[in-house]
Every structure is written in structure tokens, then in C-alpha cells.
Amino acid sequence: MPQPNLREDKAIIRIGGRPNPGFHVTVMATDLEEAYELLEKKHGAGTVFDLHNEEDANTIR
């Protein structure tokens, strides 16, 4: 079975509030939606995070 094209998505998980900057995580997923689901599954629904993909961020809009 062929492996789907995975890409690296990065996130900053926010915990606690302003004095606590949070921590960085990396997720390998086929798209941003799957990355979001993986983060929610691992860190819990309602967790606040900034999720982005460097390739998408550098694309001209």
C-alpha cells in the first residue's frame, strides 16, 4: 500500500496563560485538518494552539 504524502506541521501549544509561553510540537500529517485532529487527540479537545505549515506560510496569497 503506498504511503500518503506526509508533511511537517508545527504548533505551539498554549498552557496556562500569558506568563507561560507554551511549548513547540511537530506533527506529520497529510493536511492541516488531519494535523489539527492529531493534536486534539493527543493534547485534548479545547487545547489552544497555533498550527501552521511552513510551506503554506511561504505561499503567496
C-alpha atoms as a PDB file:
ATOM      1  CA  MET A   1       0.000   0.000   0.000  1.00  0.00           C
ATOM      2  CA  PRO A   2       1.520   3.374  -0.962  1.00  0.00           C
ATOM      3  CA  GLN A   3       2.411   5.806   1.821  1.00  0.00           C
ATOM      4  CA  PRO A   4       0.392   9.058   1.670  1.00  0.00           C
ATOM      5  CA  ASN A   5       2.361  12.277   1.229  1.00  0.00           C
ATOM      6  CA  LEU A   6       3.071  13.438   4.755  1.00  0.00           C
ATOM      7  CA  ARG A   7       4.162  16.966   5.523  1.00  0.00           C
ATOM      8  CA  GLU A   8       5.501  18.571   8.649  1.00  0.00           C
ATOM      9  CA  ASP A   9       3.135  20.861  10.533  1.00  0.00           C
ATOM     10  CA  LYS A  10       4.314  22.799  13.572  1.00  0.00           C
ATOM     11  CA  ALA A  11       2.297  24.025  16.519  1.00  0.00           C
ATOM     12  CA  ILE A  12       2.770  25.990  19.700  1.00  0.00           C
ATOM     13  CA  ILE A  13       0.623  24.569  22.486  1.00  0.00           C
ATOM     14  CA  ARG A  14      -0.557  27.270  24.908  1.00  0.00           C
ATOM     15  CA  ILE A  15      -0.920  26.238  28.530  1.00  0.00           C
ATOM     16  CA  GLY A  16      -1.818  28.357  31.495  1.00  0.00           C
ATOM     17  CA  GLY A  17      -1.966  31.840  30.010  1.00  0.00           C
ATOM     18  CA  ARG A  18       0.259  34.814  29.340  1.00  0.00           C
ATOM     19  CA  PRO A  19       3.275  34.212  31.588  1.00  0.00           C
ATOM     20  CA  ASN A  20       3.506  30.640  30.279  1.00  0.00           C
ATOM     21  CA  PRO A  21       4.650  30.748  26.617  1.00  0.00           C
ATOM     22  CA  GLY A  22       3.768  27.126  25.904  1.00  0.00           C
ATOM     23  CA  PHE A  23       5.818  24.547  24.024  1.00  0.00           C
ATOM     24  CA  HIS A  24       6.555  23.589  20.414  1.00  0.00           C
ATOM     25  CA  VAL A  25       5.461  20.324  18.811  1.00  0.00           C
ATOM     26  CA  THR A  26       5.751  18.834  15.323  1.00  0.00           C
ATOM     27  CA  VAL A  27       3.062  16.697  13.682  1.00  0.00           C
ATOM     28  CA  MET A  28       3.384  14.648  10.496  1.00  0.00           C
ATOM     29  CA  ALA A  29       0.063  14.659   8.620  1.00  0.00           C
ATOM     30  CA  THR A  30      -1.351  14.659   5.095  1.00  0.00           C
ATOM     31  CA  ASP A  31      -3.099  18.019   5.557  1.00  0.00           C
ATOM     32  CA  LEU A  32      -3.813  20.732   8.119  1.00  0.00           C
ATOM     33  CA  GLU A  33      -7.162  19.191   9.099  1.00  0.00           C
ATOM     34  CA  GLU A  34      -5.539  15.858   9.965  1.00  0.00           C
ATOM     35  CA  ALA A  35      -2.794  17.674  11.911  1.00  0.00           C
ATOM     36  CA  TYR A  36      -5.471  19.517  13.917  1.00  0.00           C
ATOM     37  CA  GLU A  37      -7.233  16.233  14.706  1.00  0.00           C
ATOM     38  CA  LEU A  38      -3.965  14.573  15.799  1.00  0.00           C
ATOM     39  CA  LEU A  39      -3.160  17.481  18.130  1.00  0.00           C
ATOM     40  CA  GLU A  40      -6.638  17.429  19.675  1.00  0.00           C
ATOM     41  CA  LYS A  41      -6.419  13.674  20.164  1.00  0.00           C
ATOM     42  CA  LYS A  42      -3.036  13.895  21.902  1.00  0.00           C
ATOM     43  CA  HIS A  43      -3.499  17.103  23.950  1.00  0.00           C
ATOM     44  CA  GLY A  44      -7.277  17.149  24.458  1.00  0.00           C
ATOM     45  CA  ALA A  45     -10.208  18.953  22.865  1.00  0.00           C
ATOM     46  CA  GLY A  46     -10.262  22.660  23.579  1.00  0.00           C
ATOM     47  CA  THR A  47      -6.458  22.952  23.824  1.00  0.00           C
ATOM     48  CA  VAL A  48      -5.294  26.300  22.468  1.00  0.00           C
ATOM     49  CA  PHE A  49      -2.585  26.054  19.818  1.00  0.00           C
ATOM     50  CA  ASP A  50      -1.168  27.860  16.811  1.00  0.00           C
ATOM     51  CA  LEU A  51      -0.873  25.357  13.959  1.00  0.00           C
ATOM     52  CA  HIS A  52       0.961  26.115  10.723  1.00  0.00           C
ATOM     53  CA  ASN A  53       2.879  24.569   7.862  1.00  0.00           C
ATOM     54  CA  GLU A  54       5.998  26.404   6.701  1.00  0.00           C
ATOM     55  CA  GLU A  55       5.305  25.623   3.025  1.00  0.00           C
ATOM     56  CA  ASP A  56       1.797  27.122   3.261  1.00  0.00           C
ATOM     57  CA  ALA A  57       3.072  30.120   5.208  1.00  0.00           C
ATOM     58  CA  ASN A  58       5.543  30.954   2.420  1.00  0.00           C
ATOM     59  CA  THR A  59       2.931  30.652  -0.364  1.00  0.00           C
ATOM     60  CA  ILE A  60       1.806  33.932  -1.938  1.00  0.00           C
ATOM     61  CA  ARG A  61      -1.864  34.562  -1.226  1.00  0.00           C
END
